[in-house]
Amino acid sequence: RSPMEFLHGLRAILPIAAAAGAILIILVRVSRQGPRSYLLLGPLGLAAVYGLVGLASSSLLSPD
């Protein structure tokens, strides 16, 4: 395996890791502070959306 294959693998896994981390942090904040309507407009909400979009695109458009 080449280093480029490793880098492509990291690129594919980053949205999933970003979504998981952001969702975890969002859930911790909601449990401590209660739900707020603007929570998804912050950086963590946008990171979660980015991760979910990356997960959906990699699973729906993957040739394998």
C-alpha atoms as a PDB file:
ATOM      1  CA  ARG A   1       0.000   0.000   0.000  1.00  0.00           C
ATOM      2  CA  SER A   2       1.206   3.439  -0.829  1.00  0.00           C
ATOM      3  CA  PRO A   3       1.148   6.556   1.357  1.00  0.00           C
ATOM      4  CA  MET A   4      -1.359   8.124  -1.053  1.00  0.00           C
ATOM      5  CA  GLU A   5      -3.836   5.334  -0.342  1.00  0.00           C
ATOM      6  CA  PHE A   6      -3.439   6.027   3.362  1.00  0.00           C
ATOM      7  CA  LEU A   7      -4.092   9.741   2.826  1.00  0.00           C
ATOM      8  CA  HIS A   8      -7.196   8.981   0.769  1.00  0.00           C
ATOM      9  CA  GLY A   9      -8.400   6.720   3.567  1.00  0.00           C
ATOM     10  CA  LEU A  10      -7.899   9.507   6.099  1.00  0.00           C
ATOM     11  CA  ARG A  11      -9.795  11.897   3.863  1.00  0.00           C
ATOM     12  CA  ALA A  12     -12.694   9.466   3.715  1.00  0.00           C
ATOM     13  CA  ILE A  13     -12.778   8.890   7.484  1.00  0.00           C
ATOM     14  CA  LEU A  14     -12.502  12.548   8.583  1.00  0.00           C
ATOM     15  CA  PRO A  15     -16.183  13.460   7.993  1.00  0.00           C
ATOM     16  CA  ILE A  16     -17.283  10.451  10.032  1.00  0.00           C
ATOM     17  CA  ALA A  17     -14.937  11.334  12.883  1.00  0.00           C
ATOM     18  CA  ALA A  18     -16.003  14.999  12.764  1.00  0.00           C
ATOM     19  CA  ALA A  19     -19.675  14.049  12.891  1.00  0.00           C
ATOM     20  CA  ALA A  20     -19.198  11.624  15.775  1.00  0.00           C
ATOM     21  CA  GLY A  21     -17.176  14.103  17.826  1.00  0.00           C
ATOM     22  CA  ALA A  22     -19.504  17.006  17.138  1.00  0.00           C
ATOM     23  CA  ILE A  23     -22.621  15.002  17.937  1.00  0.00           C
ATOM     24  CA  LEU A  24     -21.080  13.825  21.194  1.00  0.00           C
ATOM     25  CA  ILE A  25     -20.165  17.360  22.243  1.00  0.00           C
ATOM     26  CA  ILE A  26     -23.588  18.670  21.214  1.00  0.00           C
ATOM     27  CA  LEU A  27     -25.328  15.982  23.260  1.00  0.00           C
ATOM     28  CA  VAL A  28     -23.200  16.797  26.309  1.00  0.00           C
ATOM     29  CA  ARG A  29     -23.988  20.510  25.959  1.00  0.00           C
ATOM     30  CA  VAL A  30     -27.708  19.883  25.537  1.00  0.00           C
ATOM     31  CA  SER A  31     -27.777  17.655  28.610  1.00  0.00           C
ATOM     32  CA  ARG A  32     -26.022  20.339  30.678  1.00  0.00           C
ATOM     33  CA  GLN A  33     -27.684  23.504  29.394  1.00  0.00           C
ATOM     34  CA  GLY A  34     -30.951  22.342  27.865  1.00  0.00           C
ATOM     35  CA  PRO A  35     -31.911  22.602  24.205  1.00  0.00           C
ATOM     36  CA  ARG A  36     -31.516  25.899  22.413  1.00  0.00           C
ATOM     37  CA  SER A  37     -32.895  26.761  19.021  1.00  0.00           C
ATOM     38  CA  TYR A  38     -29.609  28.193  17.689  1.00  0.00           C
ATOM     39  CA  LEU A  39     -27.483  25.188  18.681  1.00  0.00           C
ATOM     40  CA  LEU A  40     -27.208  23.828  15.129  1.00  0.00           C
ATOM     41  CA  LEU A  41     -26.054  27.187  13.786  1.00  0.00           C
ATOM     42  CA  GLY A  42     -22.866  27.158  15.861  1.00  0.00           C
ATOM     43  CA  PRO A  43     -19.545  25.636  14.851  1.00  0.00           C
ATOM     44  CA  LEU A  44     -20.290  22.245  16.396  1.00  0.00           C
ATOM     45  CA  GLY A  45     -23.637  21.988  14.678  1.00  0.00           C
ATOM     46  CA  LEU A  46     -22.088  22.863  11.352  1.00  0.00           C
ATOM     47  CA  ALA A  47     -19.318  20.314  11.940  1.00  0.00           C
ATOM     48  CA  ALA A  48     -21.970  17.684  12.654  1.00  0.00           C
ATOM     49  CA  VAL A  49     -23.821  18.579   9.466  1.00  0.00           C
ATOM     50  CA  TYR A  50     -20.526  18.434   7.533  1.00  0.00           C
ATOM     51  CA  GLY A  51     -19.807  15.002   8.925  1.00  0.00           C
ATOM     52  CA  LEU A  52     -23.287  13.696   8.188  1.00  0.00           C
ATOM     53  CA  VAL A  53     -23.141  14.994   4.617  1.00  0.00           C
ATOM     54  CA  GLY A  54     -19.725  13.368   4.175  1.00  0.00           C
ATOM     55  CA  LEU A  55     -21.018  10.108   5.607  1.00  0.00           C
ATOM     56  CA  ALA A  56     -24.042  10.154   3.336  1.00  0.00           C
ATOM     57  CA  SER A  57     -22.024  10.996   0.237  1.00  0.00           C
ATOM     58  CA  SER A  58     -19.367   8.377   0.922  1.00  0.00           C
ATOM     59  CA  SER A  59     -21.912   5.644   1.564  1.00  0.00           C
ATOM     60  CA  LEU A  60     -24.382   6.535  -1.185  1.00  0.00           C
ATOM     61  CA  LEU A  61     -21.902   7.369  -3.953  1.00  0.00           C
ATOM     62  CA  SER A  62     -19.248   4.762  -3.158  1.00  0.00           C
ATOM     63  CA  PRO A  63     -18.552   2.335  -6.004  1.00  0.00           C
ATOM     64  CA  ASP A  64     -17.783  -0.509  -3.544  1.00  0.00           C
END
